[in-house]
Amino acid sequence: MKKFFYIAIAFMALFSCSNTIEEATITPDVFPDGVMKESIVLNGISRDYLLYVPKAYNGRDPLPIVFNFHGENDNADDFLWQTSDMRTIANVTDNEFFIVYPQARICDGKVTWNSSSQAGTKCNDDLSFINALIDSIASKVEINTDKIFAGGYSEGGTFALSLGMSNNRFAAVGSVAGTMSAFDTTTQATPVIFIHGTADSTFPYFGDVNTESIQSQLDFWIKTNNADSTPLTSSETSPYGVTIDRYQYLNGNKVSVEHHKVNDGLHMWNIEQIVYPAGNPDDETGLLLWKFFECHSL
């Protein structure tokens, strides 16, 4: 049994995930409510991340883990507060899960993620970083390796989708206001959820000269997952007047594709489109992601 994670701040945990991984750095910087600031060294480069441990975690039972990736030119610290609804959900009794907020580094002049569909000459090996991070976290807390999930906002959503195409360790992936920048060839069936606003000007819902439409991306995953092309549909209007149409493409190879179309929604994490305060408790973006994630397992 691994030692309870909070005890870990009292010592340096040595581990070896591969020949290129150096020792983990566990700092005493503890954010409020169980969020801990950590780093690993990969190929000589220190990579930072935040790890949220649910309040009721007993140090014994393996829990699911959700990776949540921030957007371009953002950082993990701010994104943690912007998506505070996720931490509330992670504490639901008998349904707890860990949350990881990795930090991107400079890639071709911007702070963003280097995905399999986003080649760059001055970028980091983020795909290897996430693999190493999974192994590192598994050496500290008990994780359910059949329930590892990836989600993200904007470019973070793009990266989460790329993990669904290239990494078979993830049971499901999700994107909020993000898109695939290229349709890489993959035969890997992966449950996918898209949450996207029709008024998104950064990644236009209906596409532009640089971005494929959301429907074309859904079609890619429907075909890859061998799911029904005709969706199960429903619609709901929130107390704030935001109407969200839900499309479920079912009966795939033990997987599904789901889309939440936020009518008149902007390029935001918060589907209720409330800009301030960040992490508004009325936002249900994180809940939509988790409801989808929890239904899937490797």
Protein backbone atom coordinates (compact mmCIF):
# COMPACT_ATOMS: atom_id res chain seq x y z
CA MET A 1 0.00 0.00 0.00
CA LYS A 2 1.30 3.44 -0.88
CA LYS A 3 1.61 5.95 1.91
CA PHE A 4 -1.05 8.58 2.28
CA PHE A 5 -0.18 11.42 -0.07
CA TYR A 6 -0.18 14.22 2.48
CA ILE A 7 2.62 12.50 4.32
CA ALA A 8 4.66 12.69 1.11
CA ILE A 9 5.54 16.35 1.58
CA ALA A 10 7.89 15.36 4.38
CA PHE A 11 10.33 13.54 2.15
CA MET A 12 11.72 13.29 -1.37
CA ALA A 13 10.24 10.31 -3.21
CA LEU A 14 12.72 8.59 -5.48
CA PHE A 15 11.36 6.71 -8.47
CA SER A 16 12.34 5.66 -11.96
CA CYS A 17 9.69 5.56 -14.69
CA SER A 18 12.25 5.32 -17.49
CA ASN A 19 15.85 6.10 -18.17
CA THR A 20 14.97 9.71 -18.91
CA ILE A 21 13.10 10.45 -15.67
CA GLU A 22 14.95 11.96 -12.74
CA GLU A 23 13.71 12.17 -9.16
CA ALA A 24 10.36 13.74 -8.32
CA THR A 25 10.35 17.10 -6.63
CA ILE A 26 7.78 17.34 -3.87
CA THR A 27 7.54 20.86 -2.50
CA PRO A 28 5.82 21.99 0.72
CA ASP A 29 3.72 24.49 -1.25
CA VAL A 30 0.19 23.43 -0.43
CA PHE A 31 -2.72 25.26 -2.03
CA PRO A 32 -6.06 25.46 -0.17
CA ASP A 33 -8.32 22.44 -0.01
CA GLY A 34 -5.92 19.67 -0.91
CA VAL A 35 -4.23 21.12 -4.00
CA MET A 36 -0.51 20.45 -4.06
CA LYS A 37 2.13 22.01 -6.30
CA GLU A 38 4.58 19.49 -7.74
CA SER A 39 7.05 18.86 -10.53
CA ILE A 40 8.93 16.09 -12.27
CA VAL A 41 12.11 16.28 -14.33
CA LEU A 42 11.86 14.85 -17.83
CA ASN A 43 14.89 14.81 -20.14
CA GLY A 44 16.55 17.44 -17.95
CA ILE A 45 13.53 19.79 -18.01
CA SER A 46 11.45 20.49 -14.91
CA ARG A 47 7.73 20.16 -15.60
CA ASP A 48 5.21 21.56 -13.12
CA TYR A 49 1.70 20.46 -12.27
CA LEU A 50 -0.97 20.76 -9.58
CA LEU A 51 -2.56 17.68 -8.03
CA TYR A 52 -5.90 17.80 -6.28
CA VAL A 53 -6.54 15.12 -3.67
CA PRO A 54 -10.18 14.68 -2.53
CA LYS A 55 -10.80 15.41 1.13
CA ALA A 56 -12.01 11.89 1.89
CA TYR A 57 -9.11 10.09 0.20
CA ASN A 58 -7.99 7.31 2.57
CA GLY A 59 -4.67 6.50 0.90
CA ARG A 60 -5.71 2.93 0.14
CA ASP A 61 -8.50 2.73 -2.42
CA PRO A 62 -7.61 3.43 -6.06
CA LEU A 63 -9.47 6.43 -7.47
CA PRO A 64 -10.09 7.61 -11.04
CA ILE A 65 -7.95 10.53 -12.21
CA VAL A 66 -8.85 13.44 -14.51
CA PHE A 67 -6.20 15.46 -16.32
CA ASN A 68 -7.46 18.98 -17.04
CA PHE A 69 -5.39 21.06 -19.47
CA HIS A 70 -5.38 24.88 -19.54
CA GLY A 71 -5.60 26.96 -22.70
CA GLU A 72 -2.99 28.87 -24.69
CA ASN A 73 -0.92 31.46 -22.76
CA ASP A 74 -2.68 30.48 -19.54
CA ASN A 75 -1.33 28.64 -16.50
CA ALA A 76 -2.35 25.78 -14.24
CA ASP A 77 -2.79 28.00 -11.16
CA ASP A 78 -5.37 30.28 -12.79
CA PHE A 79 -7.09 27.40 -14.55
CA LEU A 80 -7.54 25.62 -11.22
CA TRP A 81 -9.64 28.53 -9.97
CA GLN A 82 -11.47 28.97 -13.26
CA THR A 83 -12.60 25.36 -13.10
CA SER A 84 -13.23 25.08 -9.37
CA ASP A 85 -16.50 23.28 -10.11
CA MET A 86 -14.41 20.21 -10.93
CA ARG A 87 -13.03 20.04 -7.39
CA THR A 88 -16.52 20.18 -5.93
CA ILE A 89 -17.55 17.23 -8.08
CA ALA A 90 -14.39 15.31 -7.15
CA ASN A 91 -15.47 15.30 -3.50
CA VAL A 92 -18.83 13.59 -3.97
CA THR A 93 -18.94 10.71 -1.48
CA ASP A 94 -18.19 7.27 -2.96
CA ASN A 95 -17.46 8.88 -6.32
CA GLU A 96 -14.22 10.76 -5.59
CA PHE A 97 -11.44 11.27 -8.12
CA PHE A 98 -8.05 12.97 -8.39
CA ILE A 99 -7.57 16.00 -10.67
CA VAL A 100 -4.27 16.93 -12.32
CA TYR A 101 -3.61 20.41 -13.74
CA PRO A 102 -0.39 20.18 -15.79
CA GLN A 103 1.51 23.31 -16.80
CA ALA A 104 2.41 23.89 -20.45
CA ARG A 105 5.71 25.42 -21.54
CA ILE A 106 6.69 27.70 -24.41
CA CYS A 107 6.02 26.09 -27.79
CA ASP A 108 6.86 28.14 -30.91
CA GLY A 109 6.62 31.42 -29.03
CA LYS A 110 3.48 30.67 -27.00
CA VAL A 111 2.68 28.84 -23.81
CA THR A 112 0.71 25.91 -25.16
CA TRP A 113 0.63 22.17 -25.69
CA ASN A 114 2.49 20.24 -28.33
CA SER A 115 0.06 17.58 -29.49
CA SER A 116 0.46 14.87 -32.09
CA SER A 117 -1.43 17.09 -34.54
CA GLN A 118 0.53 20.26 -33.74
CA ALA A 119 4.12 19.85 -34.85
CA GLY A 120 6.65 22.50 -33.87
CA THR A 121 10.38 23.04 -34.09
CA LYS A 122 10.78 24.56 -30.63
CA CYS A 123 8.23 22.57 -28.69
CA ASN A 124 8.28 20.21 -25.74
CA ASP A 125 7.58 16.51 -25.83
CA ASP A 126 4.26 16.84 -24.05
CA LEU A 127 3.05 13.38 -25.00
CA SER A 128 5.99 11.83 -23.13
CA PHE A 129 5.44 14.31 -20.29
CA ILE A 130 1.91 13.05 -19.71
CA ASN A 131 2.99 9.40 -19.80
CA ALA A 132 5.73 10.13 -17.28
CA LEU A 133 3.30 12.13 -15.16
CA ILE A 134 0.86 9.24 -14.94
CA ASP A 135 3.64 6.97 -13.72
CA SER A 136 4.90 9.57 -11.25
CA ILE A 137 1.49 10.20 -9.71
CA ALA A 138 0.84 6.45 -9.50
CA SER A 139 3.94 6.20 -7.31
CA LYS A 140 2.39 8.65 -4.81
CA VAL A 141 -1.31 7.84 -4.69
CA GLU A 142 -3.45 4.87 -5.61
CA ILE A 143 -5.04 5.51 -9.01
CA ASN A 144 -7.47 3.36 -10.95
CA THR A 145 -5.51 2.82 -14.15
CA ASP A 146 -8.69 1.73 -15.95
CA LYS A 147 -10.19 5.15 -15.32
CA ILE A 148 -7.69 7.77 -16.46
CA PHE A 149 -9.36 10.67 -18.29
CA ALA A 150 -8.24 13.80 -20.13
CA GLY A 151 -10.14 17.05 -20.63
CA GLY A 152 -9.19 20.60 -21.39
CA TYR A 153 -10.19 24.07 -22.50
CA SER A 154 -9.35 25.63 -25.89
CA GLU A 155 -5.82 24.50 -26.85
CA GLY A 156 -5.98 22.28 -23.76
CA GLY A 157 -9.01 20.61 -25.32
CA THR A 158 -7.04 20.15 -28.54
CA PHE A 159 -4.33 18.40 -26.57
CA ALA A 160 -6.83 16.18 -24.73
CA LEU A 161 -8.26 15.09 -28.08
CA SER A 162 -4.78 14.26 -29.37
CA LEU A 163 -4.25 12.03 -26.33
CA GLY A 164 -7.41 10.19 -27.29
CA MET A 165 -5.88 9.53 -30.70
CA SER A 166 -2.39 8.54 -29.62
CA ASN A 167 -2.39 7.29 -26.03
CA ASN A 168 -4.19 4.08 -25.08
CA ARG A 169 -3.97 4.80 -21.35
CA PHE A 170 -6.99 7.12 -21.40
CA ALA A 171 -10.47 5.69 -20.94
CA ALA A 172 -12.16 8.82 -22.36
CA VAL A 173 -11.26 12.37 -23.42
CA GLY A 174 -13.15 15.65 -23.65
CA SER A 175 -12.79 19.09 -25.16
CA VAL A 176 -14.35 22.38 -24.04
CA ALA A 177 -14.11 25.05 -26.78
CA GLY A 178 -11.26 23.16 -28.43
CA THR A 179 -10.83 21.46 -31.78
CA MET A 180 -8.52 19.03 -33.52
CA SER A 181 -6.11 20.95 -35.71
CA ALA A 182 -5.58 17.90 -37.94
CA PHE A 183 -7.20 14.54 -38.48
CA ASP A 184 -4.39 12.14 -37.70
CA THR A 185 -4.89 8.56 -38.76
CA THR A 186 -5.96 6.39 -35.85
CA THR A 187 -7.76 3.11 -35.37
CA GLN A 188 -8.00 3.63 -31.63
CA ALA A 189 -11.61 3.70 -30.46
CA THR A 190 -11.90 6.31 -27.72
CA PRO A 191 -14.98 7.77 -25.99
CA VAL A 192 -15.06 11.50 -26.79
CA ILE A 193 -17.14 14.44 -25.61
CA PHE A 194 -17.20 17.89 -27.27
CA ILE A 195 -18.64 20.97 -25.50
CA HIS A 196 -18.66 23.93 -27.86
CA GLY A 197 -20.46 27.25 -28.31
CA THR A 198 -21.99 28.27 -31.65
CA ALA A 199 -20.70 31.85 -31.22
CA ASP A 200 -17.09 30.80 -30.54
CA SER A 201 -14.92 33.20 -32.56
CA THR A 202 -11.59 31.52 -31.70
CA PHE A 203 -12.53 28.05 -32.94
CA PRO A 204 -15.68 28.75 -34.98
CA TYR A 205 -18.38 26.15 -34.54
CA PHE A 206 -18.97 25.86 -38.28
CA GLY A 207 -15.27 26.06 -39.11
CA ASP A 208 -13.19 28.50 -41.14
CA VAL A 209 -10.10 28.41 -43.38
CA ASN A 210 -7.98 27.20 -40.47
CA THR A 211 -10.42 25.08 -38.46
CA GLU A 212 -12.67 22.18 -39.30
CA SER A 213 -16.29 22.37 -38.17
CA ILE A 214 -17.38 20.64 -34.99
CA GLN A 215 -19.63 18.35 -37.01
CA SER A 216 -16.71 17.18 -39.16
CA GLN A 217 -14.80 16.33 -36.00
CA LEU A 218 -17.76 14.46 -34.60
CA ASP A 219 -18.00 12.55 -37.88
CA PHE A 220 -14.33 11.58 -37.54
CA TRP A 221 -14.88 10.06 -34.11
CA ILE A 222 -18.22 8.49 -35.04
CA LYS A 223 -16.45 6.64 -37.85
CA THR A 224 -13.40 5.78 -35.73
CA ASN A 225 -15.58 4.46 -32.91
CA ASN A 226 -18.06 2.76 -35.26
CA ALA A 227 -20.91 4.53 -33.48
CA ASP A 228 -24.41 5.27 -34.78
CA SER A 229 -24.44 8.16 -37.25
CA THR A 230 -27.90 9.20 -36.09
CA PRO A 231 -27.73 10.64 -32.56
CA LEU A 232 -30.05 10.47 -29.62
CA THR A 233 -30.98 14.13 -29.08
CA SER A 234 -32.27 16.26 -26.22
CA SER A 235 -32.28 19.92 -25.24
CA GLU A 236 -32.30 21.90 -22.00
CA THR A 237 -32.48 25.61 -21.16
CA SER A 238 -30.76 26.73 -17.97
CA PRO A 239 -32.09 29.32 -15.48
CA TYR A 240 -29.72 31.79 -17.16
CA GLY A 241 -31.40 31.30 -20.52
CA VAL A 242 -28.62 29.22 -22.08
CA THR A 243 -29.96 26.45 -24.31
CA ILE A 244 -27.76 23.39 -24.73
CA ASP A 245 -28.53 20.71 -27.30
CA ARG A 246 -27.19 17.25 -26.50
CA TYR A 247 -26.24 14.70 -29.15
CA GLN A 248 -25.33 11.14 -28.18
CA TYR A 249 -23.85 8.82 -30.80
CA LEU A 250 -24.20 5.39 -29.26
CA ASN A 251 -23.55 1.69 -29.94
CA GLY A 252 -19.89 2.04 -30.83
CA ASN A 253 -17.13 -0.43 -30.04
CA LYS A 254 -17.87 -0.23 -26.31
CA VAL A 255 -17.49 3.56 -26.66
CA SER A 256 -19.62 6.55 -27.54
CA VAL A 257 -19.40 10.09 -28.88
CA GLU A 258 -21.23 12.94 -27.19
CA HIS A 259 -21.68 16.61 -28.08
CA HIS A 260 -23.13 19.50 -26.09
CA LYS A 261 -23.93 22.38 -28.41
CA VAL A 262 -24.08 25.64 -26.43
CA ASN A 263 -26.35 27.91 -28.45
CA ASP A 264 -24.84 31.40 -28.75
CA GLY A 265 -22.04 30.20 -26.47
CA LEU A 266 -18.70 32.01 -26.61
CA HIS A 267 -15.11 30.76 -26.36
CA MET A 268 -15.36 30.01 -22.64
CA TRP A 269 -15.06 27.15 -20.18
CA ASN A 270 -18.20 28.25 -18.38
CA ILE A 271 -21.18 27.04 -20.42
CA GLU A 272 -23.40 29.46 -18.50
CA GLN A 273 -21.29 32.25 -20.01
CA ILE A 274 -20.81 34.01 -16.68
CA VAL A 275 -17.44 35.70 -16.95
CA TYR A 276 -17.01 36.67 -13.30
CA PRO A 277 -16.43 35.28 -10.79
CA ALA A 278 -14.22 32.50 -12.10
CA GLY A 279 -15.34 29.04 -11.11
CA ASN A 280 -18.94 30.14 -10.61
CA PRO A 281 -20.69 27.34 -8.69
CA ASP A 282 -23.63 27.49 -11.08
CA ASP A 283 -21.44 26.36 -13.97
CA GLU A 284 -21.93 22.71 -14.92
CA THR A 285 -19.14 22.27 -17.47
CA GLY A 286 -17.08 20.06 -15.18
CA LEU A 287 -20.18 18.05 -14.27
CA LEU A 288 -20.94 17.35 -17.93
CA LEU A 289 -17.41 16.11 -18.46
CA TRP A 290 -17.43 13.92 -15.37
CA LYS A 291 -20.86 12.39 -16.10
CA PHE A 292 -19.45 11.29 -19.44
CA PHE A 293 -16.09 10.15 -18.09
CA GLU A 294 -17.43 8.05 -15.24
CA CYS A 295 -19.41 5.87 -17.62
CA HIS A 296 -16.27 4.65 -19.36
CA SER A 297 -13.41 2.38 -18.42
CA LEU A 298 -10.58 0.60 -20.24
